[in-house]
Amino acid sequence: MKLGNKLKAGFAALAMVLPILLSGCNSEKSDAYARFDYDLTEYITLGEYKGIPITASNIEVTQEDIDMQVQALLAQKGESKNIPEDQALVAGDNIICRCIVTLDGEAIPELYEESSTFILGIGHYGEEIDNALIGTKQGDKVTAKRTLGDMYGEYAGKTVDYELYVLGGYNMALPAYTDAFVKAFYGYETIEKFEAELRNRMLAFRRENQMGYLVTQCWESVMNNVTVLQYPEAELKENVEYYVADAQATAESIGMTYELYLDNVYGMTPEEFEVAIEDQAKADLKSDMVVYAIARAENLTISDERYTQYLGRFIDEYDDFMYPYEVENTFGKEILRSEVLKEVVKEYVVEVANITYSAETEA
């Protein structure tokens, strides 16, 4: 059964934490390869994973980019004055709008913005969006198309539809941009030093986003080159059971029967859902086996520093934890290290890929 976008999105979210949910079955293993402590050549044959060809845009930060960021920071320190509801917005105005982004009619939740504020006319969402919004008034709705860049990961290169609801606008009385300003608010002695730091941070952010795109593209190619001989029965059953248990728990938490929940959310009967689950469980299991196989083949390991960084990111993302030991006590150190191993392997595949950088730059 082919999964729809809604079902894929639901499974993708669970797939991110599935190995952690499975920690109870593997918590006594002692190394980073805990889940598959046996010969994987009986189950998969690795294809080519080095030298994967991929094209990406150059990453740079221009002075124009710096100027845009400076204007946004000045706006944070300025005083605002609302634009009348019946007055058309022009380039340079600050606009507030709700953004709904769809691809082939399916909403992209991670790009949804309930209340996005930006300066009109500087290309925050691209020229196409600015052109659609200039001249609008509070309460207007407009649509526009935009092709997304590398920093949008799996959606890079896709042409998406924006549905924009204008919630309002305002103008800012901005403070003077001087050495005194950057020293008073940001601790830098001069504008030159301040802008150098801005450039470094913007470059780091853009490179991090591009890495997500490169990992997605490279890993897709790696997976296409793999031959599955058979699936380990115990691990496949384990994956399926946790998908079912998660759906049942979610249904119970919102006061619905399992059958009604599946029908409302996925448009499926329990039988159809379980068929779809098995397909997804196999895909997840295949990916996990490939990670471990490459790690062993290349002797990839996890440094204590990398593991500590992962725990820090985990704590930042989930509000339930304040300290690393809480995360480890909940999920188990070995399983957490296996998640870090996935990152290490996928980054390695990018490192040894044959990447061609186009002349076009990614802003």
Protein backbone atom coordinates (compact mmCIF):
# COMPACT_ATOMS: atom_id res chain seq x y z
CA MET A 1 0.00 0.00 0.00
CA LYS A 2 1.36 3.39 -0.95
CA LEU A 3 1.46 5.85 1.94
CA GLY A 4 -0.13 9.26 1.57
CA ASN A 5 1.70 12.38 2.66
CA LYS A 6 -0.28 12.60 5.91
CA LEU A 7 0.55 9.03 6.83
CA LYS A 8 4.18 9.48 5.87
CA ALA A 9 4.43 12.56 8.07
CA GLY A 10 2.96 10.71 11.04
CA PHE A 11 5.29 7.77 10.60
CA ALA A 12 8.29 10.04 10.06
CA ALA A 13 7.71 11.71 13.42
CA LEU A 14 7.50 8.36 15.18
CA ALA A 15 10.46 6.96 13.26
CA MET A 16 12.64 9.68 14.79
CA VAL A 17 12.01 8.31 18.28
CA LEU A 18 11.29 4.65 17.49
CA PRO A 19 14.81 3.41 18.32
CA ILE A 20 14.52 5.21 21.65
CA LEU A 21 11.14 3.61 22.31
CA LEU A 22 12.78 0.25 21.66
CA SER A 23 15.37 0.90 24.36
CA GLY A 24 13.78 -1.53 26.75
CA CYS A 25 14.74 -4.40 24.46
CA ASN A 26 18.35 -3.36 24.02
CA SER A 27 19.33 -1.56 27.20
CA GLU A 28 21.82 -4.23 28.28
CA LYS A 29 23.99 -4.00 25.14
CA SER A 30 27.28 -2.24 25.69
CA ASP A 31 28.40 -0.80 22.35
CA ALA A 32 27.17 1.60 19.69
CA TYR A 33 26.05 -1.31 17.50
CA ALA A 34 23.70 -2.61 20.18
CA ARG A 35 20.57 -3.23 18.14
CA PHE A 36 22.28 -5.34 15.45
CA ASP A 37 24.95 -7.32 17.28
CA TYR A 38 25.12 -9.92 14.51
CA ASP A 39 26.28 -10.32 10.91
CA LEU A 40 24.12 -8.08 8.71
CA THR A 41 25.40 -9.54 5.42
CA GLU A 42 22.70 -12.19 5.76
CA TYR A 43 20.10 -9.45 5.50
CA ILE A 44 21.45 -6.69 3.24
CA THR A 45 24.07 -6.16 0.56
CA LEU A 46 25.53 -2.66 0.58
CA GLY A 47 25.80 -0.92 -2.77
CA GLU A 48 27.94 2.11 -3.53
CA TYR A 49 27.90 4.63 -0.70
CA LYS A 50 31.07 6.57 -1.50
CA GLY A 51 31.28 9.20 -4.20
CA ILE A 52 27.53 9.75 -4.42
CA PRO A 53 27.06 12.51 -7.06
CA ILE A 54 25.07 15.51 -5.86
CA THR A 55 24.70 19.15 -6.82
CA ALA A 56 24.33 21.94 -4.28
CA SER A 57 24.36 25.70 -4.27
CA ASN A 58 27.27 27.72 -2.91
CA ILE A 59 26.64 29.14 0.53
CA GLU A 60 27.60 32.74 1.16
CA VAL A 61 26.50 35.78 3.12
CA THR A 62 26.49 39.04 1.20
CA GLN A 63 26.57 42.58 2.55
CA GLU A 64 22.94 42.83 1.50
CA ASP A 65 22.18 39.88 3.78
CA ILE A 66 24.00 41.61 6.62
CA ASP A 67 22.08 44.83 6.02
CA MET A 68 18.78 42.95 6.14
CA GLN A 69 19.71 41.36 9.47
CA VAL A 70 20.83 44.70 10.87
CA GLN A 71 17.51 46.26 9.92
CA ALA A 72 15.67 43.46 11.70
CA LEU A 73 17.76 43.96 14.84
CA LEU A 74 17.23 47.72 14.74
CA ALA A 75 13.50 47.08 14.46
CA GLN A 76 13.62 45.08 17.68
CA LYS A 77 14.92 48.17 19.48
CA GLY A 78 12.69 50.70 17.72
CA GLU A 79 9.21 52.04 18.40
CA SER A 80 6.32 50.82 16.28
CA LYS A 81 3.31 52.62 14.82
CA ASN A 82 0.45 50.59 13.39
CA ILE A 83 -0.52 51.16 9.75
CA PRO A 84 -4.25 51.93 9.36
CA GLU A 85 -6.37 48.95 8.27
CA ASP A 86 -7.46 50.67 5.04
CA GLN A 87 -3.93 51.72 4.02
CA ALA A 88 -2.10 49.64 1.41
CA LEU A 89 1.24 48.18 2.47
CA VAL A 90 4.36 49.22 0.56
CA ALA A 91 7.97 48.08 0.39
CA GLY A 92 9.71 48.89 3.66
CA ASP A 93 6.63 48.35 5.82
CA ASN A 94 6.67 45.65 8.46
CA ILE A 95 3.97 43.12 7.64
CA ILE A 96 2.36 40.49 9.82
CA CYS A 97 0.80 37.54 8.04
CA ARG A 98 -0.26 33.93 8.44
CA CYS A 99 1.55 31.63 5.98
CA ILE A 100 0.20 28.26 4.86
CA VAL A 101 2.51 26.35 2.52
CA THR A 102 1.37 23.40 0.42
CA LEU A 103 2.98 21.01 -2.05
CA ASP A 104 0.69 19.32 -4.55
CA GLY A 105 -2.27 20.26 -2.37
CA GLU A 106 -0.80 18.79 0.84
CA ALA A 107 0.08 21.14 3.70
CA ILE A 108 3.71 21.26 4.89
CA PRO A 109 3.33 21.63 8.68
CA GLU A 110 6.95 22.59 9.35
CA LEU A 111 6.66 25.63 7.06
CA TYR A 112 3.41 26.89 8.60
CA GLU A 113 3.68 30.30 10.28
CA GLU A 114 0.79 31.44 12.48
CA SER A 115 2.11 35.00 12.72
CA SER A 116 5.17 35.79 10.64
CA THR A 117 6.57 39.32 10.83
CA PHE A 118 9.05 40.64 8.28
CA ILE A 119 9.97 43.72 6.27
CA LEU A 120 8.12 43.83 2.98
CA GLY A 121 10.25 44.14 -0.13
CA ILE A 122 13.55 42.69 1.12
CA GLY A 123 12.97 39.12 0.00
CA HIS A 124 12.31 37.44 3.34
CA TYR A 125 10.28 34.73 1.59
CA GLY A 126 11.50 35.60 -1.89
CA GLU A 127 10.60 38.14 -4.54
CA GLU A 128 7.46 36.27 -5.58
CA ILE A 129 5.96 36.58 -2.10
CA ASP A 130 6.89 40.26 -1.79
CA ASN A 131 5.28 41.04 -5.14
CA ALA A 132 2.07 39.32 -4.07
CA LEU A 133 1.91 41.21 -0.75
CA ILE A 134 2.82 44.73 -1.86
CA GLY A 135 -0.39 46.75 -2.14
CA THR A 136 -2.41 44.54 0.19
CA LYS A 137 -4.31 45.70 3.25
CA GLN A 138 -5.19 44.13 6.57
CA GLY A 139 -7.64 41.26 6.03
CA ASP A 140 -6.52 40.50 2.46
CA LYS A 141 -5.62 37.01 1.31
CA VAL A 142 -3.16 36.34 -1.55
CA THR A 143 -1.50 33.32 -3.08
CA ALA A 144 1.89 32.91 -4.73
CA LYS A 145 4.30 30.21 -5.86
CA ARG A 146 7.91 29.89 -4.74
CA THR A 147 10.73 27.45 -5.52
CA LEU A 148 12.55 26.51 -2.32
CA GLY A 149 16.35 26.51 -1.97
CA ASP A 150 18.79 23.95 -0.52
CA MET A 151 18.23 25.08 3.06
CA TYR A 152 14.71 23.58 2.96
CA GLY A 153 16.02 20.00 3.14
CA GLU A 154 13.69 17.44 1.56
CA TYR A 155 11.66 20.24 -0.08
CA ALA A 156 14.68 21.83 -1.79
CA GLY A 157 14.01 22.51 -5.46
CA LYS A 158 10.25 22.02 -5.03
CA THR A 159 7.81 24.67 -6.20
CA VAL A 160 5.31 25.22 -3.40
CA ASP A 161 2.15 27.29 -3.00
CA TYR A 162 1.93 30.03 -0.37
CA GLU A 163 -1.44 31.13 1.01
CA LEU A 164 -0.92 34.40 2.87
CA TYR A 165 -3.39 36.13 5.18
CA VAL A 166 -2.48 39.75 5.98
CA LEU A 167 -2.99 40.31 9.70
CA GLY A 168 -1.65 43.86 9.83
CA GLY A 169 1.36 46.10 9.40
CA TYR A 170 3.39 48.74 11.16
CA ASN A 171 6.28 51.14 10.71
CA MET A 172 9.26 51.52 12.97
CA ALA A 173 11.11 54.55 14.29
CA LEU A 174 14.59 53.00 14.29
CA PRO A 175 17.54 53.95 16.47
CA ALA A 176 20.72 55.17 14.77
CA TYR A 177 23.06 52.36 13.72
CA THR A 178 26.35 53.41 15.31
CA ASP A 179 29.32 51.95 17.21
CA ALA A 180 27.60 53.12 20.39
CA PHE A 181 24.46 51.16 19.48
CA VAL A 182 26.23 47.83 18.87
CA LYS A 183 28.29 48.25 22.03
CA ALA A 184 25.29 49.12 24.19
CA PHE A 185 23.03 46.28 23.00
CA TYR A 186 25.40 43.57 21.74
CA GLY A 187 28.76 44.24 23.42
CA TYR A 188 30.89 44.86 20.32
CA GLU A 189 33.25 47.82 20.15
CA THR A 190 32.61 48.64 16.48
CA ILE A 191 30.13 48.01 13.69
CA GLU A 192 32.87 46.20 11.77
CA LYS A 193 33.38 43.64 14.55
CA PHE A 194 29.64 43.27 15.05
CA GLU A 195 28.99 42.59 11.36
CA ALA A 196 31.87 40.10 11.20
CA GLU A 197 30.18 38.08 13.95
CA LEU A 198 26.81 38.36 12.21
CA ARG A 199 28.35 37.00 9.02
CA ASN A 200 29.90 34.04 10.85
CA ARG A 201 26.64 33.14 12.57
CA MET A 202 24.59 33.42 9.38
CA LEU A 203 27.11 31.26 7.50
CA ALA A 204 26.99 28.62 10.23
CA PHE A 205 23.20 28.59 10.19
CA ARG A 206 23.00 28.26 6.41
CA ARG A 207 25.63 25.53 6.30
CA GLU A 208 23.76 23.59 8.97
CA ASN A 209 20.57 23.81 6.94
CA GLN A 210 22.36 22.80 3.76
CA MET A 211 23.83 19.79 5.52
CA GLY A 212 20.27 18.60 6.11
CA TYR A 213 19.64 18.81 2.37
CA LEU A 214 22.88 17.00 1.50
CA VAL A 215 22.19 14.23 4.01
CA THR A 216 18.68 13.71 2.62
CA GLN A 217 19.86 13.54 -0.98
CA CYS A 218 22.90 11.34 -0.34
CA TRP A 219 21.08 8.92 1.94
CA GLU A 220 18.31 8.45 -0.60
CA SER A 221 20.92 7.39 -3.16
CA VAL A 222 22.65 5.10 -0.67
CA MET A 223 19.35 3.40 0.14
CA ASN A 224 18.53 2.94 -3.54
CA ASN A 225 21.85 1.12 -3.96
CA VAL A 226 21.13 -1.40 -1.18
CA THR A 227 19.73 -4.89 -1.78
CA VAL A 228 17.61 -6.37 1.01
CA LEU A 229 17.98 -10.15 1.20
CA GLN A 230 15.59 -10.61 4.11
CA TYR A 231 14.36 -8.76 7.20
CA PRO A 232 15.29 -9.91 10.73
CA GLU A 233 11.94 -11.17 12.05
CA ALA A 234 12.34 -10.08 15.67
CA GLU A 235 13.28 -6.49 14.82
CA LEU A 236 10.54 -6.17 12.19
CA LYS A 237 7.91 -7.43 14.59
CA GLU A 238 9.24 -5.04 17.23
CA ASN A 239 8.89 -2.05 14.89
CA VAL A 240 5.34 -2.96 13.85
CA GLU A 241 4.20 -3.48 17.43
CA TYR A 242 5.44 -0.07 18.49
CA TYR A 243 3.72 1.67 15.58
CA VAL A 244 0.44 0.00 16.57
CA ALA A 245 0.96 0.76 20.25
CA ASP A 246 1.67 4.41 19.51
CA ALA A 247 -1.52 4.77 17.45
CA GLN A 248 -3.55 3.05 20.16
CA ALA A 249 -2.08 5.27 22.88
CA THR A 250 -2.73 8.42 20.84
CA ALA A 251 -6.35 7.38 20.25
CA GLU A 252 -6.87 6.73 23.95
CA SER A 253 -5.28 10.05 24.94
CA ILE A 254 -7.82 12.01 22.87
CA GLY A 255 -10.82 9.90 23.92
CA MET A 256 -11.33 8.05 20.62
CA THR A 257 -11.53 4.39 19.77
CA TYR A 258 -8.60 2.94 17.85
CA GLU A 259 -10.80 2.30 14.82
CA LEU A 260 -12.27 5.81 14.76
CA TYR A 261 -8.85 7.39 15.21
CA LEU A 262 -7.39 5.50 12.25
CA ASP A 263 -10.37 6.39 10.08
CA ASN A 264 -10.29 10.10 10.98
CA VAL A 265 -6.53 10.60 10.79
CA TYR A 266 -5.42 8.16 8.08
CA GLY A 267 -8.64 7.13 6.36
CA MET A 268 -7.81 3.49 7.03
CA THR A 269 -9.21 0.43 8.76
CA PRO A 270 -6.98 -1.33 11.32
CA GLU A 271 -6.22 -3.99 8.71
CA GLU A 272 -5.18 -1.41 6.10
CA PHE A 273 -3.17 0.47 8.69
CA GLU A 274 -1.21 -2.63 9.68
CA VAL A 275 -0.33 -3.32 6.04
CA ALA A 276 0.92 0.26 5.70
CA ILE A 277 2.78 -0.05 8.99
CA GLU A 278 4.66 -3.12 7.81
CA ASP A 279 5.83 -1.31 4.68
CA GLN A 280 7.07 1.62 6.76
CA ALA A 281 8.58 -0.64 9.41
CA LYS A 282 10.57 -2.42 6.70
CA ALA A 283 11.80 0.91 5.31
CA ASP A 284 12.92 2.02 8.78
CA LEU A 285 14.58 -1.31 9.47
CA LYS A 286 16.41 -1.22 6.16
CA SER A 287 17.77 2.25 6.90
CA ASP A 288 18.91 1.22 10.38
CA MET A 289 20.70 -1.88 9.07
CA VAL A 290 22.50 0.21 6.44
CA VAL A 291 23.68 2.65 9.13
CA TYR A 292 25.21 -0.12 11.19
CA ALA A 293 26.72 -1.90 8.20
CA ILE A 294 28.51 1.25 6.99
CA ALA A 295 29.65 2.10 10.52
CA ARG A 296 31.30 -1.30 10.83
CA ALA A 297 32.80 -1.21 7.35
CA GLU A 298 34.39 2.20 7.96
CA ASN A 299 35.14 1.76 11.68
CA LEU A 300 33.12 4.85 12.51
CA THR A 301 32.92 5.64 16.20
CA ILE A 302 31.25 8.15 18.49
CA SER A 303 33.37 10.57 20.49
CA ASP A 304 32.36 11.57 24.00
CA GLU A 305 32.21 15.18 22.80
CA ARG A 306 29.75 14.31 20.01
CA TYR A 307 27.60 12.32 22.40
CA THR A 308 27.53 15.19 24.90
CA GLN A 309 26.52 17.61 22.14
CA TYR A 310 23.65 15.30 21.18
CA LEU A 311 22.36 15.22 24.74
CA GLY A 312 22.46 19.01 24.83
CA ARG A 313 20.40 19.25 21.65
CA PHE A 314 17.97 16.66 23.00
CA ILE A 315 17.43 18.68 26.18
CA ASP A 316 16.93 21.88 24.16
CA GLU A 317 14.29 20.20 22.00
CA TYR A 318 12.28 18.41 24.69
CA ASP A 319 11.01 20.35 27.70
CA ASP A 320 10.74 17.22 29.88
CA PHE A 321 14.46 17.15 30.63
CA MET A 322 16.91 19.53 32.27
CA TYR A 323 20.02 17.39 32.75
CA PRO A 324 21.83 14.74 30.66
CA TYR A 325 21.49 12.06 33.35
CA GLU A 326 17.69 12.41 33.16
CA VAL A 327 17.76 11.63 29.45
CA GLU A 328 20.08 8.66 29.97
CA ASN A 329 18.01 7.27 32.84
CA THR A 330 14.87 7.49 30.72
CA PHE A 331 16.12 6.07 27.42
CA GLY A 332 19.39 4.30 28.13
CA LYS A 333 22.86 5.44 27.12
CA GLU A 334 23.37 2.73 24.52
CA ILE A 335 20.24 3.64 22.59
CA LEU A 336 21.07 7.33 22.68
CA ARG A 337 24.53 6.53 21.33
CA SER A 338 22.92 4.56 18.51
CA GLU A 339 21.03 7.71 17.51
CA VAL A 340 24.31 9.62 17.42
CA LEU A 341 25.78 6.85 15.28
CA LYS A 342 23.09 7.49 12.66
CA GLU A 343 24.13 11.12 12.45
CA VAL A 344 27.81 10.20 12.22
CA VAL A 345 27.23 7.70 9.41
CA LYS A 346 25.03 9.98 7.34
CA GLU A 347 27.48 12.86 7.71
CA TYR A 348 30.28 10.51 6.63
CA VAL A 349 28.35 9.65 3.45
CA VAL A 350 28.14 13.38 2.69
CA GLU A 351 31.83 13.84 3.49
CA VAL A 352 32.86 11.21 0.90
CA ALA A 353 30.22 12.25 -1.67
CA ASN A 354 31.08 13.82 -5.02
CA ILE A 355 29.49 17.23 -4.48
CA THR A 356 29.37 19.74 -7.32
CA TYR A 357 28.67 23.29 -6.18
CA SER A 358 26.75 25.35 -8.71
CA ALA A 359 27.48 28.98 -9.47
CA GLU A 360 24.12 29.92 -7.98
CA THR A 361 24.36 30.96 -4.34
CA GLU A 362 21.97 30.01 -1.59
CA ALA A 363 20.78 32.89 0.58
